[in-house]
Amino acid sequence: MPRHQPGHPHLGPVHPGTPDPLGRFLRVDGTPLHVRTEGTGPLCLLTGGLGSSWFDWDLVVPFLTPYRTVVRFDRPGYGLSAAEPATGRPAPTVAGEAGRILAVLDGLGLDGPCTVVGHSLAGFHVEAFARLHPERTTGLVLVDGSVETAVRPYPAPAARDLAARALAGAARALAVPYLFGPTARRVTARLATVRREDLAPPQLVRHCYRTGRALRALLRENGRYLDMAAELDGLRRTRPLPEGLPVTVLAADDGCRNPRTGYRLAEQRELAALLGAEFRTAAPAGHLVMFDRPDAVASAVLDTC
């Protein structure tokens, strides 16, 4: 483990009473991030979509740890990670998130190549990582990743980010996250699975989603969604994926033969074609593939790296 130097990521002990006794805290750019490292073997990193926390991968990890060293972390505001400072921090970008992934790996002393796995919005982040840090990437897996091509960002990004912060602050002042955050999380998860249930531990959902920091992170990321899609589109034109890099697109197939499911599967096939990736489906599965088909997610990871 590298020694801490001022300005560099470093690990800290678990705080007393933390709901994840196996986790650690890693300070990246001044913000304590919650991280977990488990298993043995080649390295892979799992990162979740909009509003996700580390425990959303809990069902997948046991399939991986006999064969892989698995890293999970919460982006600022999510899970057990601290929120970024209220001012002085730029709005989320795919290059910034790729840099955060790199800082997490470096801070853990894991300087070897890694298979990066991103769900939903985090598909943008891990694809950017593979393009910007090819020497650190051995595989890329997109789990029902977000698909936006040839998009233009909305104007006034700084004003939009300020509005997202203000809205989150007003909601917190009215105790909206405390009163409704866990319920909103559970309802959203149920709608995103064919099981129609949130398989995350209820006590962790309560702990992580009744604070204002999760809502603020979600609003900021959502407000920057098209900007990040446009940024990634630019990277696709200027920073090619490493030649021969194994890439897998794993799409959720809920088994419903309706236009919505057909459209989403077609989008995922187009993404796979764009990236020269292997295309797979997980069925039956909703958008939270990790809950409905954790075995399919693990197989995609193991077969990619």
Protein backbone atom coordinates (compact mmCIF):
# COMPACT_ATOMS: atom_id res chain seq x y z
CA MET A 1 0.00 0.00 0.00
CA PRO A 2 1.53 3.34 -0.96
CA ARG A 3 2.27 5.80 1.79
CA HIS A 4 0.08 8.84 1.93
CA GLN A 5 1.48 12.04 0.56
CA PRO A 6 -0.27 15.40 0.76
CA GLY A 7 -2.72 15.78 -2.09
CA HIS A 8 -2.73 12.07 -2.95
CA PRO A 9 -5.47 9.52 -2.29
CA HIS A 10 -5.11 7.69 1.00
CA LEU A 11 -7.01 5.10 2.96
CA GLY A 12 -8.55 5.78 6.31
CA PRO A 13 -10.07 3.50 8.93
CA VAL A 14 -13.72 2.61 9.09
CA HIS A 15 -15.62 5.10 11.21
CA PRO A 16 -17.29 3.67 14.33
CA GLY A 17 -20.83 2.57 13.62
CA THR A 18 -20.34 2.33 9.87
CA PRO A 19 -22.92 -0.03 8.28
CA ASP A 20 -20.19 -1.66 6.18
CA PRO A 21 -17.50 -3.04 8.54
CA LEU A 22 -15.55 -4.46 5.60
CA GLY A 23 -15.32 -1.14 3.79
CA ARG A 24 -12.69 1.56 3.95
CA PHE A 25 -12.59 5.26 3.21
CA LEU A 26 -10.31 6.67 0.56
CA ARG A 27 -9.81 10.41 0.30
CA VAL A 28 -9.86 11.50 -3.35
CA ASP A 29 -9.52 15.21 -4.13
CA GLY A 30 -10.42 15.95 -0.54
CA THR A 31 -13.64 13.88 -0.48
CA PRO A 32 -13.80 10.64 1.56
CA LEU A 33 -15.06 7.85 -0.69
CA HIS A 34 -16.34 4.53 0.59
CA VAL A 35 -14.53 1.61 -1.06
CA ARG A 36 -14.60 -2.17 -0.78
CA THR A 37 -12.01 -4.66 -2.03
CA GLU A 38 -12.73 -8.41 -1.95
CA GLY A 39 -11.54 -11.63 -3.55
CA THR A 40 -8.38 -12.66 -5.30
CA GLY A 41 -7.08 -12.83 -8.84
CA PRO A 42 -7.17 -10.40 -11.78
CA LEU A 43 -8.64 -7.01 -11.00
CA CYS A 44 -12.12 -5.78 -11.84
CA LEU A 45 -14.01 -2.68 -10.72
CA LEU A 46 -17.80 -2.37 -10.47
CA THR A 47 -19.54 1.00 -10.56
CA GLY A 48 -23.27 1.63 -10.51
CA GLY A 49 -25.69 3.91 -12.30
CA LEU A 50 -27.59 7.00 -11.28
CA GLY A 51 -28.41 6.83 -7.58
CA SER A 52 -26.73 3.47 -6.98
CA SER A 53 -24.77 2.38 -3.93
CA TRP A 54 -22.12 -0.30 -3.39
CA PHE A 55 -24.60 -2.85 -2.07
CA ASP A 56 -26.48 -2.96 -5.38
CA TRP A 57 -23.69 -5.33 -6.53
CA ASP A 58 -23.96 -7.63 -3.50
CA LEU A 59 -25.56 -10.51 -5.39
CA VAL A 60 -22.93 -10.39 -8.15
CA VAL A 61 -19.80 -10.26 -6.01
CA PRO A 62 -19.90 -13.85 -4.61
CA PHE A 63 -19.82 -15.17 -8.18
CA LEU A 64 -16.66 -13.14 -8.85
CA THR A 65 -14.52 -13.23 -5.71
CA PRO A 66 -13.23 -16.81 -6.14
CA TYR A 67 -11.66 -15.70 -9.43
CA ARG A 68 -11.25 -11.90 -9.30
CA THR A 69 -10.19 -9.10 -7.02
CA VAL A 70 -13.33 -6.98 -6.93
CA VAL A 71 -13.34 -3.25 -6.18
CA ARG A 72 -16.51 -1.30 -5.49
CA PHE A 73 -16.85 2.34 -4.49
CA ASP A 74 -19.52 4.96 -3.96
CA ARG A 75 -19.29 8.16 -5.93
CA PRO A 76 -19.52 11.34 -3.82
CA GLY A 77 -22.88 11.59 -2.10
CA TYR A 78 -23.92 8.00 -2.71
CA GLY A 79 -23.77 5.08 -0.30
CA LEU A 80 -21.40 5.92 2.55
CA SER A 81 -19.26 8.41 0.60
CA ALA A 82 -19.21 12.00 1.72
CA ALA A 83 -20.75 14.68 -0.44
CA GLU A 84 -18.46 16.95 -2.38
CA PRO A 85 -18.14 20.48 -0.99
CA ALA A 86 -21.15 22.64 -1.76
CA THR A 87 -19.06 25.06 -3.81
CA GLY A 88 -15.84 25.02 -5.76
CA ARG A 89 -16.33 21.63 -7.43
CA PRO A 90 -17.01 21.30 -11.15
CA ALA A 91 -20.13 19.54 -12.38
CA PRO A 92 -19.73 15.83 -13.22
CA THR A 93 -17.93 14.93 -16.46
CA VAL A 94 -16.98 11.58 -17.97
CA ALA A 95 -13.31 12.55 -17.93
CA GLY A 96 -13.64 13.47 -14.27
CA GLU A 97 -15.33 10.18 -13.43
CA ALA A 98 -12.67 8.25 -15.36
CA GLY A 99 -10.09 10.11 -13.30
CA ARG A 100 -11.93 9.22 -10.12
CA ILE A 101 -11.82 5.52 -11.02
CA LEU A 102 -8.08 5.83 -11.65
CA ALA A 103 -7.59 7.63 -8.32
CA VAL A 104 -9.50 4.89 -6.47
CA LEU A 105 -7.34 2.16 -7.99
CA ASP A 106 -4.13 4.08 -7.37
CA GLY A 107 -5.18 4.93 -3.83
CA LEU A 108 -5.71 1.24 -3.12
CA GLY A 109 -2.26 0.45 -4.47
CA LEU A 110 -3.79 -1.52 -7.37
CA ASP A 111 -1.71 -0.26 -10.24
CA GLY A 112 -2.20 -3.22 -12.57
CA PRO A 113 -4.63 -3.49 -15.47
CA CYS A 114 -8.32 -3.71 -14.66
CA THR A 115 -11.60 -4.79 -16.20
CA VAL A 116 -14.06 -1.94 -15.65
CA VAL A 117 -17.77 -2.71 -15.32
CA GLY A 118 -20.40 0.01 -15.45
CA HIS A 119 -24.16 -0.15 -15.05
CA SER A 120 -26.50 2.35 -16.73
CA LEU A 121 -25.02 5.88 -16.52
CA ALA A 122 -21.72 4.47 -15.23
CA GLY A 123 -21.33 2.85 -18.64
CA PHE A 124 -20.31 6.33 -19.79
CA HIS A 125 -17.70 6.49 -17.02
CA VAL A 126 -16.06 3.14 -17.65
CA GLU A 127 -16.01 3.58 -21.42
CA ALA A 128 -14.29 6.94 -20.90
CA PHE A 129 -11.81 5.22 -18.57
CA ALA A 130 -10.97 2.64 -21.24
CA ARG A 131 -10.45 5.39 -23.83
CA LEU A 132 -8.45 7.73 -21.61
CA HIS A 133 -6.43 5.11 -19.71
CA PRO A 134 -5.96 2.22 -22.15
CA GLU A 135 -2.79 1.04 -20.42
CA ARG A 136 -4.86 0.31 -17.29
CA THR A 137 -7.74 -1.46 -19.02
CA THR A 138 -7.99 -5.18 -19.77
CA GLY A 139 -11.72 -5.37 -20.42
CA LEU A 140 -14.90 -3.31 -20.60
CA VAL A 141 -18.37 -4.50 -19.61
CA LEU A 142 -21.47 -2.34 -19.99
CA VAL A 143 -24.44 -3.64 -18.01
CA ASP A 144 -27.58 -2.24 -19.66
CA GLY A 145 -25.55 0.90 -20.23
CA SER A 146 -26.98 4.28 -21.11
CA VAL A 147 -27.17 4.89 -24.85
CA GLU A 148 -27.04 8.39 -26.33
CA THR A 149 -25.30 9.16 -29.61
CA ALA A 150 -24.75 12.38 -31.56
CA VAL A 151 -26.31 14.49 -28.81
CA ARG A 152 -25.85 18.15 -27.96
CA PRO A 153 -25.58 19.33 -24.38
CA TYR A 154 -28.00 21.83 -22.95
CA PRO A 155 -26.72 25.41 -22.58
CA ALA A 156 -25.54 27.05 -19.34
CA PRO A 157 -24.02 24.03 -17.57
CA ALA A 158 -22.83 26.06 -14.57
CA ALA A 159 -26.29 27.55 -14.04
CA ARG A 160 -27.90 24.13 -14.33
CA ASP A 161 -25.52 22.66 -11.78
CA LEU A 162 -26.20 25.56 -9.43
CA ALA A 163 -29.94 24.96 -9.84
CA ALA A 164 -29.50 21.25 -9.02
CA ARG A 165 -27.60 22.15 -5.85
CA ALA A 166 -30.24 24.71 -4.87
CA LEU A 167 -33.10 22.28 -5.45
CA ALA A 168 -31.37 19.63 -3.35
CA GLY A 169 -30.75 22.19 -0.60
CA ALA A 170 -34.39 23.25 -0.57
CA ALA A 171 -35.54 19.63 -0.44
CA ARG A 172 -33.22 18.91 2.45
CA ALA A 173 -34.47 21.97 4.34
CA LEU A 174 -37.99 20.55 4.02
CA ALA A 175 -36.81 17.08 5.16
CA VAL A 176 -37.89 15.58 1.82
CA PRO A 177 -34.98 13.08 1.60
CA TYR A 178 -35.50 11.98 5.22
CA LEU A 179 -39.22 11.47 4.77
CA PHE A 180 -39.34 10.06 1.26
CA GLY A 181 -35.82 9.11 0.14
CA PRO A 182 -35.84 5.41 1.15
CA THR A 183 -39.36 4.92 -0.21
CA ALA A 184 -38.43 6.55 -3.52
CA ARG A 185 -35.39 4.31 -3.75
CA ARG A 186 -37.43 1.16 -3.05
CA VAL A 187 -40.16 2.06 -5.55
CA THR A 188 -37.61 2.88 -8.25
CA ALA A 189 -35.77 -0.41 -7.69
CA ARG A 190 -38.99 -2.42 -7.78
CA LEU A 191 -39.96 -0.87 -11.10
CA ALA A 192 -36.49 -1.69 -12.49
CA THR A 193 -36.63 -5.43 -11.78
CA VAL A 194 -38.82 -8.25 -13.04
CA ARG A 195 -38.98 -9.41 -9.43
CA ARG A 196 -40.73 -6.17 -8.48
CA GLU A 197 -38.77 -5.97 -5.23
CA ASP A 198 -35.76 -4.10 -3.94
CA LEU A 199 -33.26 -6.75 -2.84
CA ALA A 200 -30.99 -4.26 -1.08
CA PRO A 201 -30.86 -4.52 2.74
CA PRO A 202 -33.59 -2.22 4.14
CA GLN A 203 -31.37 -0.84 6.89
CA LEU A 204 -28.75 0.24 4.36
CA VAL A 205 -31.38 1.82 2.13
CA ARG A 206 -32.64 3.84 5.10
CA HIS A 207 -29.13 4.86 6.13
CA CYS A 208 -28.00 5.93 2.66
CA TYR A 209 -31.11 7.45 1.10
CA ARG A 210 -32.61 9.61 3.81
CA THR A 211 -29.76 12.12 3.62
CA GLY A 212 -29.65 15.13 1.35
CA ARG A 213 -26.27 14.19 -0.08
CA ALA A 214 -27.68 11.32 -2.17
CA LEU A 215 -30.39 13.54 -3.66
CA ARG A 216 -27.88 16.26 -4.48
CA ALA A 217 -25.57 13.79 -6.22
CA LEU A 218 -28.46 12.35 -8.20
CA LEU A 219 -29.75 15.76 -9.32
CA ARG A 220 -26.28 16.91 -10.35
CA GLU A 221 -25.57 13.78 -12.37
CA ASN A 222 -29.00 13.79 -13.97
CA GLY A 223 -28.63 17.45 -14.89
CA ARG A 224 -25.36 16.68 -16.65
CA TYR A 225 -26.55 13.52 -18.41
CA LEU A 226 -26.65 14.88 -21.98
CA ASP A 227 -23.45 16.85 -21.42
CA MET A 228 -21.66 13.64 -20.44
CA ALA A 229 -23.16 11.81 -23.40
CA ALA A 230 -21.87 14.54 -25.75
CA GLU A 231 -18.45 14.46 -24.07
CA LEU A 232 -18.24 10.70 -24.55
CA ASP A 233 -19.32 11.08 -28.17
CA GLY A 234 -16.34 13.37 -28.67
CA LEU A 235 -14.00 10.87 -27.04
CA ARG A 236 -15.27 8.17 -29.38
CA ARG A 237 -14.08 10.25 -32.31
CA THR A 238 -10.69 11.18 -30.86
CA ARG A 239 -9.69 8.44 -28.43
CA PRO A 240 -10.24 4.95 -29.86
CA LEU A 241 -10.57 1.94 -27.61
CA PRO A 242 -7.38 -0.14 -27.35
CA GLU A 243 -7.07 -2.52 -30.27
CA GLY A 244 -8.22 -6.00 -29.30
CA LEU A 245 -9.78 -4.86 -26.02
CA PRO A 246 -12.51 -7.34 -24.98
CA VAL A 247 -15.81 -5.46 -24.71
CA THR A 248 -19.19 -6.90 -23.71
CA VAL A 249 -22.59 -5.22 -23.80
CA LEU A 250 -25.05 -7.02 -21.53
CA ALA A 251 -28.63 -5.92 -22.18
CA ALA A 252 -31.63 -6.46 -19.94
CA ASP A 253 -34.49 -8.38 -21.57
CA ASP A 254 -37.61 -8.39 -19.41
CA GLY A 255 -39.32 -10.88 -21.71
CA CYS A 256 -42.08 -8.46 -22.68
CA ARG A 257 -42.62 -8.39 -26.41
CA ASN A 258 -43.65 -4.76 -26.63
CA PRO A 259 -42.24 -1.70 -28.47
CA ARG A 260 -40.46 -0.37 -25.38
CA THR A 261 -38.47 -3.56 -24.79
CA GLY A 262 -37.77 -3.94 -28.50
CA TYR A 263 -36.48 -0.37 -28.71
CA ARG A 264 -34.19 -0.77 -25.70
CA LEU A 265 -32.74 -4.01 -27.03
CA ALA A 266 -32.18 -2.42 -30.43
CA GLU A 267 -30.34 0.45 -28.72
CA GLN A 268 -28.10 -1.99 -26.90
CA ARG A 269 -27.35 -3.90 -30.10
CA GLU A 270 -26.41 -0.62 -31.79
CA LEU A 271 -24.11 0.23 -28.89
CA ALA A 272 -22.43 -3.17 -29.19
CA ALA A 273 -21.96 -2.65 -32.93
CA LEU A 274 -20.52 0.83 -32.34
CA LEU A 275 -17.96 -0.51 -29.87
CA GLY A 276 -17.21 -3.76 -31.71
CA ALA A 277 -18.47 -5.55 -28.61
CA GLU A 278 -19.96 -8.93 -27.91
CA PHE A 279 -23.70 -8.53 -27.42
CA ARG A 280 -25.48 -10.56 -24.76
CA THR A 281 -28.89 -10.47 -23.15
CA ALA A 282 -29.85 -11.29 -19.58
CA ALA A 283 -33.38 -12.65 -19.36
CA PRO A 284 -35.64 -12.27 -17.65
CA ALA A 285 -34.21 -9.07 -16.22
CA GLY A 286 -35.16 -5.47 -15.71
CA HIS A 287 -32.77 -2.54 -15.79
CA LEU A 288 -31.31 -3.60 -12.43
CA VAL A 289 -29.79 -6.68 -14.01
CA MET A 290 -27.65 -7.21 -10.92
CA PHE A 291 -30.78 -8.10 -8.93
CA ASP A 292 -32.58 -10.24 -11.50
CA ARG A 293 -29.62 -12.05 -13.09
CA PRO A 294 -26.46 -11.64 -11.01
CA ASP A 295 -25.13 -14.84 -12.57
CA ALA A 296 -25.38 -13.36 -16.06
CA VAL A 297 -23.54 -10.22 -14.96
CA ALA A 298 -20.76 -12.28 -13.38
CA SER A 299 -20.47 -14.51 -16.46
CA ALA A 300 -20.12 -11.45 -18.69
CA VAL A 301 -17.32 -10.15 -16.46
CA LEU A 302 -15.48 -13.47 -16.19
CA ASP A 303 -15.74 -14.15 -19.92
CA THR A 304 -14.50 -10.65 -20.80
CA CYS A 305 -11.32 -10.60 -18.74
